[in-house]
Amino acid sequence: MEAHLKNRKPKTENRKPVLMAVVLAGVAAFLVYEVLTVPGLTPQKLSRGLGLPLLRLLFYMGVGLLIGQVIESLNWSARLGVWAGPVLRWGRLKTECGAAFTAAFFSGILANTMLMTFYQEGKLSRREMTCTYLLNNGLPVYLLHLPTTFFIILPLTRQAGLIYLGLGLAAALLRSAALLVYTHLRFPAAPGRSAAVDPAPAPARKPGGLGELWPRFRTRFSRVVLYTIPIYLLIFLLTEKGLFMWLREAMARWVTWRFLPVEAASVVIFSVAAEFTSGMAAAGALMDAGALTVPQTVVALMLGSMVATPVRALRHQLPSHAGIFSPALGMELLIMSQTLRIASLIAVVIPYWAWGRDWFF
């Protein structure tokens, strides 16, 4: 009897998830009402701009969460991290970090889900989770998007596009190396770190691991949905109200006034105020017309990327980050990731402009 009473949670603690669910549902209902009252919002636009993307996002998050929990239940983390073992061993990162790092080459949602699962189960500390998240947003994210961006950039900007991609790769490698140096200096060398380097026999399954999969998935996915839907609705509403367009135009004007000539500034403006392909098309046209040299085009594209990507990250990644992590932690990780990315891009652009622009083409 005493043991039973000892294991029971206080009533206030049991009510917290229910209260949070009610609050989030109320916020979502209010945001739905606000979205429906936006002038000029047709059912077709509502379906294509909100309904289908939100369902797609929830589907991918659900699949990522399910795969992450299967990997954890079957203790496959060591197998996934084997190939990255030597690098992670030097960085004093755990096997779980290697598993998430490997997953990041295929899916950012899957990698983030695995990190949060390991953190909640106490296998990773907050600092280990944060450093691995930042590491995943270096080389893995760059290579994940490279096949798509390469075939857009190369036909439009040719030499400048190749240099732009090379500088992006150098920046990704730089921030990955910096993070590994940091973890090597700050994390202790301890048993269990970088165990992925040893081709050990397959670990035994946890007793009842797969049997508990569905209840744990249902609990986690319910929480993900409760946080993701209000955040996604808020981002959509702010987009329709023009907030992100205002941010883009303001940032483009700031860069134009202080750093660039008019011709190069137009590339930045198209990259920021429109979409990625528009900036590339503008750069190629100006370069073909002789208005911009190759180095000027490269620097303009890099500046456009520095300014535009944080806004796009806030708009497209915040809902999934809020669902997988939490609104506060997801925002913190996004800010840290984008700050580190911009710093690494600046670190490679300045030497290129100062010393290396005459070495290429």
Protein backbone atom coordinates (compact mmCIF):
# COMPACT_ATOMS: atom_id res chain seq x y z
CA MET A 1 0.00 0.00 0.00
CA GLU A 2 2.77 2.41 0.92
CA ALA A 3 4.66 1.58 -2.28
CA HIS A 4 1.49 2.19 -4.29
CA LEU A 5 0.97 5.57 -2.68
CA LYS A 6 4.64 6.43 -3.14
CA ASN A 7 4.46 5.79 -6.91
CA ARG A 8 1.33 7.85 -7.39
CA LYS A 9 1.87 11.28 -8.87
CA PRO A 10 0.30 14.32 -7.23
CA LYS A 11 -3.01 15.37 -8.72
CA THR A 12 -1.62 18.76 -9.74
CA GLU A 13 1.15 17.03 -11.67
CA ASN A 14 -1.36 14.79 -13.46
CA ARG A 15 -3.45 17.81 -14.42
CA LYS A 16 -0.60 19.73 -16.04
CA PRO A 17 -0.67 17.91 -19.42
CA VAL A 18 -4.46 18.21 -19.60
CA LEU A 19 -4.34 21.91 -18.76
CA MET A 20 -1.61 22.51 -21.33
CA ALA A 21 -3.61 20.65 -23.98
CA VAL A 22 -6.69 22.77 -23.25
CA VAL A 23 -4.67 26.00 -23.44
CA LEU A 24 -2.99 25.02 -26.72
CA ALA A 25 -6.30 23.91 -28.22
CA GLY A 26 -7.78 27.28 -27.27
CA VAL A 27 -4.86 29.12 -28.84
CA ALA A 28 -5.21 27.03 -32.01
CA ALA A 29 -8.96 27.76 -32.20
CA PHE A 30 -8.32 31.49 -31.83
CA LEU A 31 -5.65 31.39 -34.56
CA VAL A 32 -7.95 29.45 -36.88
CA TYR A 33 -10.57 32.17 -36.43
CA GLU A 34 -7.97 34.87 -37.15
CA VAL A 35 -6.77 33.04 -40.26
CA LEU A 36 -10.30 32.65 -41.60
CA THR A 37 -10.92 36.38 -41.22
CA VAL A 38 -7.86 37.41 -43.29
CA PRO A 39 -9.12 39.41 -46.31
CA GLY A 40 -8.74 37.74 -49.69
CA LEU A 41 -7.99 34.27 -48.32
CA THR A 42 -9.74 31.86 -50.69
CA PRO A 43 -10.44 28.19 -49.87
CA GLN A 44 -7.95 27.16 -52.55
CA LYS A 45 -5.19 29.29 -51.04
CA LEU A 46 -6.09 28.07 -47.57
CA SER A 47 -5.81 24.47 -48.73
CA ARG A 48 -2.55 24.88 -50.65
CA GLY A 49 -0.91 27.33 -48.28
CA LEU A 50 -1.99 25.93 -44.93
CA GLY A 51 -3.89 22.64 -44.95
CA LEU A 52 -1.72 20.47 -47.20
CA PRO A 53 1.68 21.79 -45.96
CA LEU A 54 0.62 21.33 -42.34
CA LEU A 55 -0.57 17.77 -42.95
CA ARG A 56 2.65 17.01 -44.83
CA LEU A 57 4.73 18.39 -41.98
CA LEU A 58 2.84 16.37 -39.36
CA PHE A 59 3.20 13.24 -41.49
CA TYR A 60 6.97 13.64 -41.81
CA MET A 61 7.30 14.44 -38.12
CA GLY A 62 5.24 11.36 -37.23
CA VAL A 63 7.36 9.13 -39.48
CA GLY A 64 10.56 10.63 -38.06
CA LEU A 65 9.35 10.14 -34.51
CA LEU A 66 8.32 6.54 -35.19
CA ILE A 67 11.64 5.64 -36.86
CA GLY A 68 13.58 7.32 -34.05
CA GLN A 69 11.71 5.33 -31.42
CA VAL A 70 12.18 2.06 -33.34
CA ILE A 71 15.93 2.73 -33.50
CA GLU A 72 15.97 3.46 -29.78
CA SER A 73 13.82 0.44 -28.87
CA LEU A 74 16.04 -1.94 -30.85
CA ASN A 75 19.26 -0.34 -29.61
CA TRP A 76 20.48 0.38 -33.15
CA SER A 77 22.22 3.63 -32.15
CA ALA A 78 25.67 2.04 -32.09
CA ARG A 79 25.28 0.59 -35.58
CA LEU A 80 24.20 3.91 -37.06
CA GLY A 81 27.15 5.76 -35.57
CA VAL A 82 29.90 3.34 -36.59
CA TRP A 83 31.08 5.14 -39.74
CA ALA A 84 31.43 8.50 -37.97
CA GLY A 85 33.21 6.88 -35.01
CA PRO A 86 36.78 8.21 -35.50
CA VAL A 87 35.61 11.82 -35.81
CA LEU A 88 33.17 11.57 -32.92
CA ARG A 89 35.71 9.76 -30.76
CA TRP A 90 38.08 12.70 -31.14
CA GLY A 91 35.20 15.06 -30.33
CA ARG A 92 34.33 12.96 -27.25
CA LEU A 93 30.73 12.54 -28.35
CA LYS A 94 28.55 9.60 -27.38
CA THR A 95 27.23 6.82 -29.56
CA GLU A 96 23.79 8.44 -29.55
CA CYS A 97 25.32 11.61 -31.02
CA GLY A 98 26.77 9.50 -33.84
CA ALA A 99 23.38 7.97 -34.57
CA ALA A 100 21.72 11.38 -34.81
CA PHE A 101 24.63 12.72 -36.89
CA THR A 102 24.22 9.87 -39.37
CA ALA A 103 20.44 10.39 -39.55
CA ALA A 104 20.96 14.10 -40.31
CA PHE A 105 22.40 13.19 -43.73
CA PHE A 106 18.96 11.82 -44.66
CA SER A 107 16.40 13.76 -42.61
CA GLY A 108 16.69 16.72 -40.27
CA ILE A 109 13.37 15.86 -38.62
CA LEU A 110 14.54 12.31 -37.89
CA ALA A 111 17.84 13.56 -36.44
CA ASN A 112 16.13 16.15 -34.24
CA THR A 113 13.60 13.58 -33.03
CA MET A 114 16.36 11.17 -32.07
CA LEU A 115 18.25 13.90 -30.22
CA MET A 116 15.21 14.91 -28.20
CA THR A 117 14.40 11.26 -27.42
CA PHE A 118 17.94 10.62 -26.17
CA TYR A 119 17.83 13.83 -24.12
CA GLN A 120 14.48 12.98 -22.49
CA GLU A 121 15.72 9.50 -21.62
CA GLY A 122 18.82 10.95 -19.94
CA LYS A 123 21.30 9.51 -22.43
CA LEU A 124 22.46 12.97 -23.52
CA SER A 125 22.92 16.10 -21.48
CA ARG A 126 21.51 19.44 -22.60
CA ARG A 127 24.95 20.57 -23.79
CA GLU A 128 25.57 17.30 -25.67
CA MET A 129 22.20 17.56 -27.40
CA THR A 130 22.82 21.20 -28.34
CA CYS A 131 26.32 20.58 -29.70
CA THR A 132 25.14 17.59 -31.73
CA TYR A 133 22.23 19.61 -33.13
CA LEU A 134 24.64 22.34 -34.23
CA LEU A 135 27.01 19.74 -35.66
CA ASN A 136 24.13 18.21 -37.64
CA ASN A 137 23.40 21.62 -39.14
CA GLY A 138 26.91 21.82 -40.58
CA LEU A 139 28.09 19.31 -43.16
CA PRO A 140 25.02 16.98 -43.06
CA VAL A 141 22.53 19.75 -43.86
CA TYR A 142 24.79 21.17 -46.57
CA LEU A 143 25.15 17.80 -48.31
CA LEU A 144 21.44 17.01 -47.84
CA HIS A 145 20.44 20.11 -49.83
CA LEU A 146 23.34 20.05 -52.31
CA PRO A 147 21.72 17.86 -55.03
CA THR A 148 18.79 20.28 -55.30
CA THR A 149 20.74 23.54 -55.10
CA PHE A 150 23.56 22.41 -57.38
CA PHE A 151 21.33 21.97 -60.43
CA ILE A 152 19.68 25.35 -59.82
CA ILE A 153 22.83 27.35 -59.14
CA LEU A 154 25.17 26.00 -61.81
CA PRO A 155 23.10 26.76 -64.95
CA LEU A 156 22.23 30.26 -63.74
CA THR A 157 25.52 31.52 -62.33
CA ARG A 158 28.22 29.13 -63.62
CA GLN A 159 31.67 30.16 -62.23
CA ALA A 160 30.20 32.35 -59.50
CA GLY A 161 27.86 29.51 -58.52
CA LEU A 162 30.72 27.03 -58.19
CA ILE A 163 32.66 29.42 -55.97
CA TYR A 164 29.51 30.14 -53.96
CA LEU A 165 28.97 26.41 -53.37
CA GLY A 166 32.65 25.97 -52.51
CA LEU A 167 32.52 28.76 -49.94
CA GLY A 168 29.34 27.25 -48.49
CA LEU A 169 31.10 23.89 -48.15
CA ALA A 170 34.11 25.57 -46.54
CA ALA A 171 31.81 27.33 -44.05
CA ALA A 172 30.01 24.06 -43.21
CA LEU A 173 33.33 22.29 -42.64
CA LEU A 174 34.61 25.23 -40.58
CA ARG A 175 31.70 25.26 -38.15
CA SER A 176 31.73 21.45 -37.90
CA ALA A 177 35.45 21.52 -37.08
CA ALA A 178 34.96 24.34 -34.57
CA LEU A 179 32.21 22.40 -32.79
CA LEU A 180 34.34 19.25 -32.63
CA VAL A 181 37.23 21.25 -31.16
CA TYR A 182 34.84 22.71 -28.58
CA THR A 183 33.46 19.29 -27.58
CA HIS A 184 36.98 17.84 -27.45
CA LEU A 185 38.03 20.57 -25.01
CA ARG A 186 34.84 20.72 -22.92
CA PHE A 187 33.61 17.12 -22.71
CA PRO A 188 35.49 14.59 -20.60
CA ALA A 189 36.85 11.42 -22.12
CA ALA A 190 34.69 8.82 -20.43
CA PRO A 191 33.45 5.28 -21.04
CA GLY A 192 30.49 5.27 -23.35
CA ARG A 193 31.71 8.17 -25.45
CA SER A 194 32.34 7.35 -29.09
CA ALA A 195 31.71 3.68 -28.44
CA ALA A 196 30.51 3.64 -32.01
CA VAL A 197 34.09 3.17 -33.21
CA ASP A 198 34.20 -0.39 -31.84
CA PRO A 199 32.44 -2.88 -34.10
CA ALA A 200 30.83 -4.54 -31.10
CA PRO A 201 28.22 -7.26 -31.47
CA ALA A 202 24.67 -6.13 -31.90
CA PRO A 203 23.22 -5.04 -28.56
CA ALA A 204 20.37 -6.97 -27.10
CA ARG A 205 16.90 -5.58 -27.38
CA LYS A 206 15.36 -3.94 -24.39
CA PRO A 207 12.82 -6.12 -22.62
CA GLY A 208 9.42 -5.05 -23.86
CA GLY A 209 11.01 -2.35 -26.02
CA LEU A 210 8.81 -2.83 -29.08
CA GLY A 211 5.81 -3.59 -26.91
CA GLU A 212 6.00 -0.11 -25.43
CA LEU A 213 6.58 1.54 -28.81
CA TRP A 214 3.00 2.48 -29.67
CA PRO A 215 2.06 4.00 -26.25
CA ARG A 216 5.27 6.05 -26.22
CA PHE A 217 4.78 7.13 -29.84
CA ARG A 218 1.18 8.15 -29.19
CA THR A 219 2.17 10.22 -26.16
CA ARG A 220 5.08 11.93 -27.91
CA PHE A 221 3.22 12.55 -31.17
CA SER A 222 0.23 14.04 -29.33
CA ARG A 223 2.60 16.51 -27.69
CA VAL A 224 4.23 17.28 -31.05
CA VAL A 225 0.85 17.97 -32.66
CA LEU A 226 -0.29 20.17 -29.76
CA TYR A 227 2.74 22.42 -30.11
CA THR A 228 3.18 22.32 -33.88
CA ILE A 229 -0.32 23.28 -34.99
CA PRO A 230 -0.59 26.59 -33.04
CA ILE A 231 2.94 27.61 -34.06
CA TYR A 232 2.28 26.75 -37.71
CA LEU A 233 -1.01 28.68 -37.67
CA LEU A 234 0.75 31.68 -36.10
CA ILE A 235 3.50 31.63 -38.75
CA PHE A 236 0.90 31.38 -41.53
CA LEU A 237 -1.11 34.25 -40.05
CA LEU A 238 1.99 36.46 -39.72
CA THR A 239 2.92 35.62 -43.30
CA GLU A 240 -0.51 36.66 -44.56
CA LYS A 241 -0.30 39.85 -42.50
CA GLY A 242 2.96 40.70 -44.28
CA LEU A 243 5.38 40.43 -41.37
CA PHE A 244 7.96 38.30 -43.15
CA MET A 245 7.79 40.40 -46.30
CA TRP A 246 8.41 43.48 -44.16
CA LEU A 247 11.36 41.76 -42.49
CA ARG A 248 12.83 40.78 -45.85
CA GLU A 249 12.48 44.26 -47.32
CA ALA A 250 13.89 45.94 -44.21
CA MET A 251 16.90 43.63 -44.11
CA ALA A 252 17.48 44.02 -47.85
CA ARG A 253 17.43 47.83 -47.54
CA TRP A 254 19.85 47.68 -44.60
CA VAL A 255 22.35 45.64 -46.60
CA THR A 256 21.87 47.79 -49.71
CA TRP A 257 22.49 51.09 -47.97
CA ARG A 258 25.62 50.07 -46.10
CA PHE A 259 27.60 47.53 -48.04
CA LEU A 260 26.89 47.11 -51.73
CA PRO A 261 26.75 49.03 -54.99
CA VAL A 262 23.40 49.20 -56.74
CA GLU A 263 24.05 46.32 -59.17
CA ALA A 264 25.14 43.87 -56.47
CA ALA A 265 22.42 45.07 -54.12
CA SER A 266 19.75 43.96 -56.61
CA VAL A 267 20.99 40.37 -56.23
CA VAL A 268 20.62 40.62 -52.45
CA ILE A 269 17.17 42.17 -52.77
CA PHE A 270 15.94 39.39 -55.06
CA SER A 271 17.45 36.74 -52.78
CA VAL A 272 15.81 38.23 -49.69
CA ALA A 273 12.53 39.71 -50.92
CA ALA A 274 11.73 36.90 -53.35
CA GLU A 275 13.03 33.32 -53.28
CA PHE A 276 16.34 31.54 -53.69
CA THR A 277 16.01 30.96 -57.45
CA SER A 278 15.15 34.63 -58.10
CA GLY A 279 18.42 35.80 -56.59
CA MET A 280 20.37 33.30 -58.68
CA ALA A 281 18.57 34.37 -61.86
CA ALA A 282 19.25 38.05 -61.14
CA ALA A 283 22.92 37.30 -60.47
CA GLY A 284 23.28 35.38 -63.73
CA ALA A 285 21.61 38.13 -65.78
CA LEU A 286 23.76 40.90 -64.29
CA MET A 287 26.91 38.85 -64.76
CA ASP A 288 26.05 38.13 -68.40
CA ALA A 289 25.42 41.84 -68.99
CA GLY A 290 28.84 42.71 -67.56
CA ALA A 291 27.34 44.73 -64.70
CA LEU A 292 28.93 42.47 -62.08
CA THR A 293 32.23 40.63 -61.96
CA VAL A 294 32.42 37.06 -60.70
CA PRO A 295 33.78 38.06 -57.24
CA GLN A 296 31.08 40.73 -56.83
CA THR A 297 28.41 38.19 -57.74
CA VAL A 298 29.78 35.65 -55.26
CA VAL A 299 29.83 38.15 -52.40
CA ALA A 300 26.32 39.40 -53.28
CA LEU A 301 24.99 35.83 -53.26
CA MET A 302 26.67 35.10 -49.94
CA LEU A 303 25.22 38.25 -48.36
CA GLY A 304 21.79 37.42 -49.74
CA SER A 305 22.06 33.96 -48.17
CA MET A 306 23.15 35.40 -44.81
CA VAL A 307 20.18 37.75 -44.70
CA ALA A 308 17.47 35.54 -46.22
CA THR A 309 18.13 32.16 -44.61
CA PRO A 310 17.37 33.18 -40.98
CA VAL A 311 13.97 34.54 -42.05
CA ARG A 312 13.22 31.35 -43.98
CA ALA A 313 14.37 29.24 -41.03
CA LEU A 314 12.04 31.11 -38.70
CA ARG A 315 9.15 30.67 -41.09
CA HIS A 316 9.66 27.05 -42.16
CA GLN A 317 11.55 25.35 -39.31
CA LEU A 318 10.13 26.92 -36.16
CA PRO A 319 6.86 24.90 -36.18
CA SER A 320 8.67 21.55 -36.41
CA HIS A 321 11.30 22.62 -33.85
CA ALA A 322 8.58 23.74 -31.44
CA GLY A 323 6.85 20.37 -31.76
CA ILE A 324 9.94 18.18 -31.50
CA PHE A 325 11.74 20.13 -28.77
CA SER A 326 9.60 22.87 -27.19
CA PRO A 327 8.78 26.42 -28.32
CA ALA A 328 11.50 28.00 -26.16
CA LEU A 329 14.16 25.35 -26.81
CA GLY A 330 13.33 25.15 -30.51
CA MET A 331 13.71 28.93 -30.89
CA GLU A 332 16.96 28.88 -28.93
CA LEU A 333 18.43 26.15 -31.12
CA LEU A 334 17.36 27.94 -34.30
CA ILE A 335 18.96 31.20 -33.19
CA MET A 336 22.19 29.45 -32.21
CA SER A 337 22.30 27.53 -35.50
CA GLN A 338 21.72 30.59 -37.68
CA THR A 339 24.18 32.71 -35.69
CA LEU A 340 26.88 30.08 -36.09
CA ARG A 341 26.07 29.71 -39.79
CA ILE A 342 26.34 33.45 -40.45
CA ALA A 343 29.60 33.67 -38.50
CA SER A 344 31.10 30.82 -40.54
CA LEU A 345 30.00 32.41 -43.83
CA ILE A 346 31.57 35.71 -42.83
CA ALA A 347 34.75 33.85 -41.87
CA VAL A 348 35.10 32.44 -45.41
CA VAL A 349 33.81 35.44 -47.41
CA ILE A 350 36.26 37.96 -45.95
CA PRO A 351 39.41 35.98 -46.91
CA TYR A 352 37.94 35.27 -50.35
CA TRP A 353 37.27 38.96 -51.01
CA ALA A 354 40.54 40.13 -49.51
CA TRP A 355 42.98 37.58 -50.94
CA GLY A 356 41.35 34.84 -52.94
CA ARG A 357 39.13 36.53 -55.55
CA ASP A 358 41.98 36.64 -58.11
CA TRP A 359 42.74 32.94 -57.68
CA PHE A 360 39.49 31.68 -59.19
CA PHE A 361 38.56 31.83 -62.85
